[in-house]
Amino acid sequence: MGRCEYGKEPFDMRLFALLCCRRLWMVLAGILAGAALAGGIYYIKNVTFGGVIPYTMDSKYYLEYAVDPSDQQPYSYFASYTWNDLLKSEVMVEEMLGGMELPMTAEELEASFEPELMSDLRICYIHTTNRDAVKVREIDRVVGLAMAALGERQKELLEVSLLDRGEPRLAAPDLRTFRACVLGAALGGFFTLFVLGLYMMLEERVYVPGTLACRYGLPVAGYVDREGKPSEELNAQLDCLLGGRRKVGLTAVSGEADPVGMADLLEKLEQKGAGESRAYTPILSRCQVPETGEALHDLEGMVLLVQAGRDRGKAIEEVLRQLTQMGVEVDATVLTGADERLIRHYLWGKRS
């Protein structure tokens, strides 16, 4: 009887990939939903509720460094963080606030400008940003005075001169909506695949004959596809598995199966083949008519029908448990309603 070692069964990645191809619309829907959700949240947060777009202004200063009298070499150039420390020191901030014509706190002033050195360490850029265009212009002016004052006070500097001064303009927001959409699409696709894999593991459904044999240890004679066409090996495998048994019962896991129709199909295969003639007795599922268990003992063999992609693993286990308790051994199983194309791709590939 079936051993049912589903807990030790490895995850069938090939079957999972084929099933995902059949449910490609779900994966695409998950990707689109993730992109729309992430992009929408990002856009609403940073654009709709992003607040007032500030003004910005850039000024450029040339730094002329002095020569160290001890070795006649220029002093080391200041880096960006050095200029930041000098301009935002307590003394310089107080001087700038004292020279401003507009009321402003020290915290607002420090947060409104940023010095930066790019490729040439002798050119310092002052980036000023504020919600008020008038304040932007005023902050840029007092910072320029502070730059000139530092040029006079620092022994490393001979002079700080203004090269260029821009005009206040609306700052271009650093929006990354596209990146948010790409990230959301990736997360949506991953989550969809994860849910599909979890669903596949929890449902424990059988799609290919190999899974039925591996999971429950039952001999699988073959399959019948959705159009009612049996697999080529079905009749020969039944002859081998049933041997000389003439009175064979045919039952199913669930009441949705059609044992009567399957009995007619198998008997027609018997007539076409060269094997011994045997009679198949359809027996309704135990789920439908529990008292039919008495008829199982009058038969010489038993074939169990499992619906591909429909009968859950726990339902199959329950039927096997009931048959075992009644002392009935399953001689062969047949996978019904199978996806012939899926099985072909799973076993051999598209060309076969």
Protein backbone atom coordinates (compact mmCIF):
# COMPACT_ATOMS: atom_id res chain seq x y z
CA MET A 1 0.00 0.00 0.00
CA GLY A 2 1.11 3.61 -0.45
CA ARG A 3 3.80 4.86 1.87
CA CYS A 4 3.02 8.59 1.39
CA GLU A 5 6.35 10.25 2.16
CA TYR A 6 5.21 13.66 1.04
CA GLY A 7 7.18 15.40 3.77
CA LYS A 8 10.44 14.03 2.32
CA GLU A 9 9.50 14.73 -1.28
CA PRO A 10 11.86 17.27 -2.89
CA PHE A 11 10.37 20.33 -4.50
CA ASP A 12 9.86 19.63 -8.20
CA MET A 13 11.24 22.77 -9.80
CA ARG A 14 10.62 21.58 -13.37
CA LEU A 15 6.95 20.87 -12.69
CA PHE A 16 6.62 24.17 -10.83
CA ALA A 17 8.10 26.08 -13.78
CA LEU A 18 5.71 24.38 -16.21
CA LEU A 19 2.73 25.12 -13.98
CA CYS A 20 3.84 28.77 -13.70
CA CYS A 21 3.92 28.94 -17.50
CA ARG A 22 0.31 27.79 -17.51
CA ARG A 23 -0.49 30.50 -14.98
CA LEU A 24 1.64 33.14 -16.64
CA TRP A 25 -1.20 35.63 -16.43
CA MET A 26 -1.04 35.41 -12.63
CA VAL A 27 2.68 36.15 -12.62
CA LEU A 28 2.21 39.08 -15.00
CA ALA A 29 -0.69 40.37 -12.91
CA GLY A 30 1.49 40.18 -9.79
CA ILE A 31 4.30 42.07 -11.55
CA LEU A 32 1.94 44.80 -12.76
CA ALA A 33 0.25 45.05 -9.38
CA GLY A 34 3.60 45.34 -7.61
CA ALA A 35 4.81 48.02 -10.02
CA ALA A 36 1.58 50.00 -9.72
CA LEU A 37 1.50 49.72 -5.94
CA ALA A 38 5.14 50.67 -5.34
CA GLY A 39 5.16 53.40 -8.00
CA GLY A 40 1.84 54.79 -6.78
CA ILE A 41 2.89 54.92 -3.14
CA TYR A 42 6.22 56.55 -4.07
CA TYR A 43 4.52 59.13 -6.33
CA ILE A 44 1.87 60.03 -3.77
CA LYS A 45 4.43 60.33 -0.98
CA ASN A 46 7.04 62.33 -2.89
CA VAL A 47 4.94 64.29 -5.39
CA THR A 48 1.35 64.62 -4.21
CA PHE A 49 2.30 65.10 -0.55
CA GLY A 50 5.91 66.06 -1.19
CA GLY A 51 5.40 69.62 -0.03
CA VAL A 52 6.48 72.88 -1.63
CA ILE A 53 9.25 72.62 -4.21
CA PRO A 54 12.17 74.73 -2.87
CA TYR A 55 14.30 77.26 -4.73
CA THR A 56 17.98 76.70 -5.33
CA MET A 57 20.95 78.85 -6.33
CA ASP A 58 24.59 78.04 -7.13
CA SER A 59 27.67 80.24 -6.78
CA LYS A 60 31.23 79.41 -7.77
CA TYR A 61 34.39 80.74 -6.03
CA TYR A 62 38.05 80.49 -6.97
CA LEU A 63 40.44 79.64 -4.13
CA GLU A 64 44.00 80.92 -4.40
CA TYR A 65 46.26 79.13 -1.91
CA ALA A 66 49.35 80.62 -0.27
CA VAL A 67 52.87 79.16 -0.20
CA ASP A 68 54.31 77.64 2.94
CA PRO A 69 57.47 79.67 3.70
CA SER A 70 59.15 76.68 5.33
CA ASP A 71 59.37 74.62 2.14
CA GLN A 72 58.12 77.02 -0.54
CA GLN A 73 55.27 74.60 -1.41
CA PRO A 74 51.56 75.50 -1.56
CA TYR A 75 49.55 74.64 1.51
CA SER A 76 47.37 71.53 1.34
CA TYR A 77 44.03 72.20 -0.31
CA PHE A 78 40.94 72.16 1.87
CA ALA A 79 38.47 69.34 1.23
CA SER A 80 34.68 69.72 1.12
CA TYR A 81 34.18 68.69 4.75
CA THR A 82 36.80 71.30 5.79
CA TRP A 83 34.90 74.08 4.05
CA ASN A 84 31.70 72.77 5.62
CA ASP A 85 33.27 72.95 9.11
CA LEU A 86 34.69 76.41 8.51
CA LEU A 87 31.54 78.00 7.07
CA LYS A 88 29.20 76.34 9.59
CA SER A 89 31.30 77.03 12.64
CA GLU A 90 29.61 78.92 15.44
CA VAL A 91 31.63 82.09 14.82
CA MET A 92 30.93 82.23 11.07
CA VAL A 93 27.22 81.45 11.51
CA GLU A 94 26.90 84.28 14.03
CA GLU A 95 28.63 86.68 11.63
CA MET A 96 26.38 85.64 8.74
CA LEU A 97 23.24 86.02 10.87
CA GLY A 98 24.44 89.47 11.93
CA GLY A 99 24.86 90.57 8.33
CA MET A 100 21.49 89.26 7.12
CA GLU A 101 18.63 91.61 6.34
CA LEU A 102 16.00 88.90 6.92
CA PRO A 103 15.15 87.14 10.20
CA MET A 104 16.45 83.56 10.27
CA THR A 105 17.54 81.00 12.83
CA ALA A 106 20.99 79.44 12.92
CA GLU A 107 19.53 76.00 12.22
CA GLU A 108 17.73 77.22 9.10
CA LEU A 109 20.84 78.96 7.86
CA GLU A 110 23.07 75.91 8.31
CA ALA A 111 20.55 73.66 6.58
CA SER A 112 20.14 76.03 3.63
CA PHE A 113 23.63 75.93 2.06
CA GLU A 114 26.27 73.32 1.32
CA PRO A 115 29.86 73.82 0.04
CA GLU A 116 31.21 71.29 -2.48
CA LEU A 117 34.51 70.72 -4.27
CA MET A 118 34.34 68.72 -7.49
CA SER A 119 37.21 67.87 -9.84
CA ASP A 120 39.25 71.02 -9.19
CA LEU A 121 40.00 71.58 -5.50
CA ARG A 122 40.62 75.28 -6.18
CA ILE A 123 37.00 75.88 -7.16
CA CYS A 124 34.35 75.76 -4.44
CA TYR A 125 30.65 75.57 -5.24
CA ILE A 126 28.05 76.89 -2.81
CA HIS A 127 24.63 75.26 -3.22
CA THR A 128 21.85 77.22 -1.53
CA THR A 129 18.33 75.83 -1.08
CA ASN A 130 15.28 77.33 0.61
CA ARG A 131 11.53 77.56 0.12
CA ASP A 132 11.72 81.35 -0.25
CA ALA A 133 13.49 82.78 -3.32
CA VAL A 134 14.32 85.98 -1.45
CA LYS A 135 15.95 84.04 1.37
CA VAL A 136 17.94 82.01 -1.14
CA ARG A 137 19.44 85.16 -2.60
CA GLU A 138 20.15 86.63 0.85
CA ILE A 139 21.78 83.43 2.14
CA ASP A 140 23.97 83.23 -0.95
CA ARG A 141 25.06 86.82 -0.38
CA VAL A 142 26.12 86.38 3.27
CA VAL A 143 27.85 83.08 2.51
CA GLY A 144 29.84 84.89 -0.18
CA LEU A 145 30.92 87.47 2.39
CA ALA A 146 31.92 84.64 4.72
CA MET A 147 33.99 83.06 1.95
CA ALA A 148 35.83 86.35 1.40
CA ALA A 149 36.40 86.71 5.16
CA LEU A 150 37.89 83.22 5.34
CA GLY A 151 40.21 84.10 2.48
CA GLU A 152 41.58 86.93 4.60
CA ARG A 153 41.79 85.02 7.89
CA GLN A 154 43.16 81.62 6.86
CA LYS A 155 46.91 81.61 6.35
CA GLU A 156 46.54 78.86 3.73
CA LEU A 157 44.53 81.20 1.49
CA LEU A 158 45.62 84.32 -0.35
CA GLU A 159 42.28 85.26 -1.82
CA VAL A 160 38.76 83.92 -2.45
CA SER A 161 37.16 85.48 -5.51
CA LEU A 162 33.69 85.06 -6.99
CA LEU A 163 33.68 83.40 -10.41
CA ASP A 164 29.99 82.99 -11.11
CA ARG A 165 26.67 83.53 -9.35
CA GLY A 166 23.42 82.08 -10.60
CA GLU A 167 19.81 83.09 -10.07
CA PRO A 168 17.23 81.47 -7.80
CA ARG A 169 15.28 78.75 -9.59
CA LEU A 170 12.92 75.96 -8.65
CA ALA A 171 14.86 72.88 -7.64
CA ALA A 172 14.35 69.84 -9.85
CA PRO A 173 12.98 67.16 -7.52
CA ASP A 174 14.98 63.95 -7.35
CA LEU A 175 12.10 61.66 -8.27
CA ARG A 176 12.79 57.98 -8.83
CA THR A 177 9.34 56.76 -9.69
CA PHE A 178 10.65 54.45 -12.41
CA ARG A 179 13.06 52.77 -9.99
CA ALA A 180 10.23 52.35 -7.51
CA CYS A 181 8.12 50.72 -10.23
CA VAL A 182 10.96 48.35 -11.18
CA LEU A 183 11.47 47.40 -7.54
CA GLY A 184 7.74 46.89 -7.07
CA ALA A 185 7.56 44.74 -10.20
CA ALA A 186 10.41 42.53 -8.96
CA LEU A 187 8.84 42.16 -5.52
CA GLY A 188 5.40 41.54 -7.05
CA GLY A 189 6.75 38.80 -9.31
CA PHE A 190 8.68 37.19 -6.45
CA PHE A 191 5.68 37.30 -4.12
CA THR A 192 3.41 35.82 -6.81
CA LEU A 193 5.83 32.94 -7.44
CA PHE A 194 6.16 32.40 -3.70
CA VAL A 195 2.38 32.22 -3.25
CA LEU A 196 2.03 29.84 -6.21
CA GLY A 197 4.74 27.58 -4.79
CA LEU A 198 3.15 27.64 -1.34
CA TYR A 199 -0.26 26.88 -2.85
CA MET A 200 1.23 23.98 -4.80
CA MET A 201 2.81 22.51 -1.66
CA LEU A 202 -0.29 22.94 0.51
CA GLU A 203 -2.73 21.53 -2.06
CA GLU A 204 -0.51 18.45 -2.69
CA ARG A 205 -2.21 17.80 -6.01
CA VAL A 206 -0.90 15.33 -8.56
CA TYR A 207 -0.27 16.48 -12.13
CA VAL A 208 2.05 13.81 -13.56
CA PRO A 209 2.17 10.02 -13.06
CA GLY A 210 5.66 10.15 -11.57
CA THR A 211 4.48 12.20 -8.60
CA LEU A 212 1.76 9.66 -7.82
CA ALA A 213 4.24 6.79 -7.86
CA CYS A 214 6.96 8.62 -5.92
CA ARG A 215 4.74 10.12 -3.25
CA TYR A 216 2.44 7.18 -2.45
CA GLY A 217 4.48 4.24 -3.68
CA LEU A 218 1.63 3.06 -5.90
CA PRO A 219 2.09 1.45 -9.33
CA VAL A 220 0.84 3.81 -12.04
CA ALA A 221 -0.47 2.12 -15.19
CA GLY A 222 -0.75 5.36 -17.17
CA TYR A 223 -3.11 8.23 -17.69
CA VAL A 224 -6.19 9.35 -19.58
CA ASP A 225 -6.13 12.92 -20.88
CA ARG A 226 -8.90 15.49 -20.73
CA GLU A 227 -10.33 14.38 -24.08
CA GLY A 228 -10.62 10.79 -22.87
CA LYS A 229 -7.60 9.54 -24.84
CA PRO A 230 -5.56 6.94 -22.94
CA SER A 231 -1.78 6.93 -22.92
CA GLU A 232 -0.08 4.38 -25.16
CA GLU A 233 1.22 2.25 -22.31
CA LEU A 234 -2.01 2.11 -20.30
CA ASN A 235 -3.40 -1.24 -21.55
CA ALA A 236 -0.03 -3.02 -21.48
CA GLN A 237 0.73 -1.75 -17.98
CA LEU A 238 -2.67 -2.86 -16.71
CA ASP A 239 -2.09 -6.36 -18.13
CA CYS A 240 1.25 -6.49 -16.35
CA LEU A 241 0.02 -5.14 -13.02
CA LEU A 242 -3.27 -7.05 -12.87
CA GLY A 243 -1.91 -10.31 -14.22
CA GLY A 244 -4.58 -13.03 -14.49
CA ARG A 245 -7.19 -11.24 -12.43
CA ARG A 246 -10.54 -11.24 -14.24
CA LYS A 247 -12.83 -9.39 -11.81
CA VAL A 248 -11.30 -5.97 -11.23
CA GLY A 249 -12.87 -3.12 -9.31
CA LEU A 250 -12.58 0.50 -10.41
CA THR A 251 -12.99 3.20 -7.78
CA ALA A 252 -12.02 6.84 -7.51
CA VAL A 253 -10.75 9.25 -4.90
CA SER A 254 -13.63 11.72 -5.19
CA GLY A 255 -17.20 11.63 -6.36
CA GLU A 256 -16.42 13.92 -9.30
CA ALA A 257 -14.69 11.10 -11.18
CA ASP A 258 -16.56 8.82 -13.58
CA PRO A 259 -15.73 5.16 -12.80
CA VAL A 260 -18.48 3.95 -15.14
CA GLY A 261 -17.08 5.78 -18.14
CA MET A 262 -13.56 4.67 -17.29
CA ALA A 263 -14.71 1.03 -17.00
CA ASP A 264 -16.15 1.21 -20.52
CA LEU A 265 -12.93 2.77 -21.82
CA LEU A 266 -10.71 0.13 -20.24
CA GLU A 267 -12.89 -2.70 -21.50
CA LYS A 268 -12.66 -1.30 -25.04
CA LEU A 269 -8.89 -1.27 -24.68
CA GLU A 270 -9.06 -4.90 -23.60
CA GLN A 271 -10.96 -5.82 -26.74
CA LYS A 272 -8.46 -4.06 -28.99
CA GLY A 273 -5.46 -5.56 -27.25
CA ALA A 274 -4.21 -9.11 -27.19
CA GLY A 275 -4.47 -9.54 -23.44
CA GLU A 276 -6.89 -11.63 -21.49
CA SER A 277 -10.43 -10.33 -21.24
CA ARG A 278 -11.30 -8.94 -17.83
CA ALA A 279 -14.36 -7.23 -16.47
CA TYR A 280 -14.11 -3.87 -14.73
CA THR A 281 -16.69 -3.19 -12.04
CA PRO A 282 -17.17 0.51 -11.32
CA ILE A 283 -17.53 1.22 -7.62
CA LEU A 284 -18.65 4.61 -6.42
CA SER A 285 -16.30 6.59 -4.28
CA ARG A 286 -16.37 5.89 -0.57
CA CYS A 287 -16.93 9.61 -0.13
CA GLN A 288 -20.30 9.22 -1.87
CA VAL A 289 -21.54 5.83 -0.72
CA PRO A 290 -19.68 4.51 2.35
CA GLU A 291 -21.49 1.14 2.29
CA THR A 292 -19.97 0.27 -1.09
CA GLY A 293 -16.92 -0.99 0.82
CA GLU A 294 -18.58 -4.39 1.12
CA ALA A 295 -18.42 -4.90 -2.65
CA LEU A 296 -14.66 -4.47 -2.67
CA HIS A 297 -14.03 -7.85 -1.03
CA ASP A 298 -15.69 -9.79 -3.87
CA LEU A 299 -13.17 -8.56 -6.44
CA GLU A 300 -9.82 -10.00 -7.47
CA GLY A 301 -8.07 -6.69 -8.16
CA MET A 302 -8.45 -2.99 -7.61
CA VAL A 303 -7.66 0.07 -9.77
CA LEU A 304 -7.77 3.53 -8.22
CA LEU A 305 -8.61 6.59 -10.32
CA VAL A 306 -6.92 9.87 -9.35
CA GLN A 307 -7.99 13.09 -11.02
CA ALA A 308 -5.01 15.11 -12.18
CA GLY A 309 -4.84 18.60 -10.71
CA ARG A 310 -8.11 18.16 -8.76
CA ASP A 311 -7.79 15.46 -6.08
CA ARG A 312 -5.92 16.85 -3.08
CA GLY A 313 -3.19 14.91 -1.37
CA LYS A 314 -5.09 14.51 1.90
CA ALA A 315 -8.10 13.10 0.05
CA ILE A 316 -5.88 10.49 -1.63
CA GLU A 317 -4.33 9.60 1.72
CA GLU A 318 -7.76 9.18 3.29
CA VAL A 319 -8.96 6.82 0.54
CA LEU A 320 -5.78 4.75 0.84
CA ARG A 321 -6.21 4.61 4.61
CA GLN A 322 -9.79 3.37 4.30
CA LEU A 323 -8.84 0.73 1.72
CA THR A 324 -5.99 -0.46 3.93
CA GLN A 325 -8.30 -0.81 6.92
CA MET A 326 -10.64 -2.97 4.84
CA GLY A 327 -7.77 -5.16 3.69
CA VAL A 328 -8.06 -4.04 0.05
CA GLU A 329 -4.83 -3.63 -1.89
CA VAL A 330 -4.57 -1.20 -4.78
CA ASP A 331 -2.99 -3.05 -7.70
CA ALA A 332 -2.76 -0.10 -10.08
CA THR A 333 -3.62 3.58 -10.35
CA VAL A 334 -4.70 5.61 -13.35
CA LEU A 335 -4.36 9.39 -13.62
CA THR A 336 -7.53 10.78 -15.21
CA GLY A 337 -8.20 14.18 -16.74
CA ALA A 338 -4.48 14.64 -17.22
CA ASP A 339 -2.89 17.44 -19.22
CA GLU A 340 -1.17 15.45 -21.98
CA ARG A 341 0.84 18.46 -23.13
CA LEU A 342 2.08 19.15 -19.60
CA ILE A 343 3.14 15.53 -19.14
CA ARG A 344 4.91 15.50 -22.51
CA HIS A 345 6.82 18.67 -21.72
CA TYR A 346 7.63 17.42 -18.26
CA LEU A 347 9.03 14.12 -19.46
CA TRP A 348 10.64 14.84 -22.80
CA GLY A 349 10.31 18.44 -23.88
CA LYS A 350 8.47 20.32 -26.58
CA ARG A 351 9.89 18.44 -29.59
CA SER A 352 8.83 15.03 -28.37
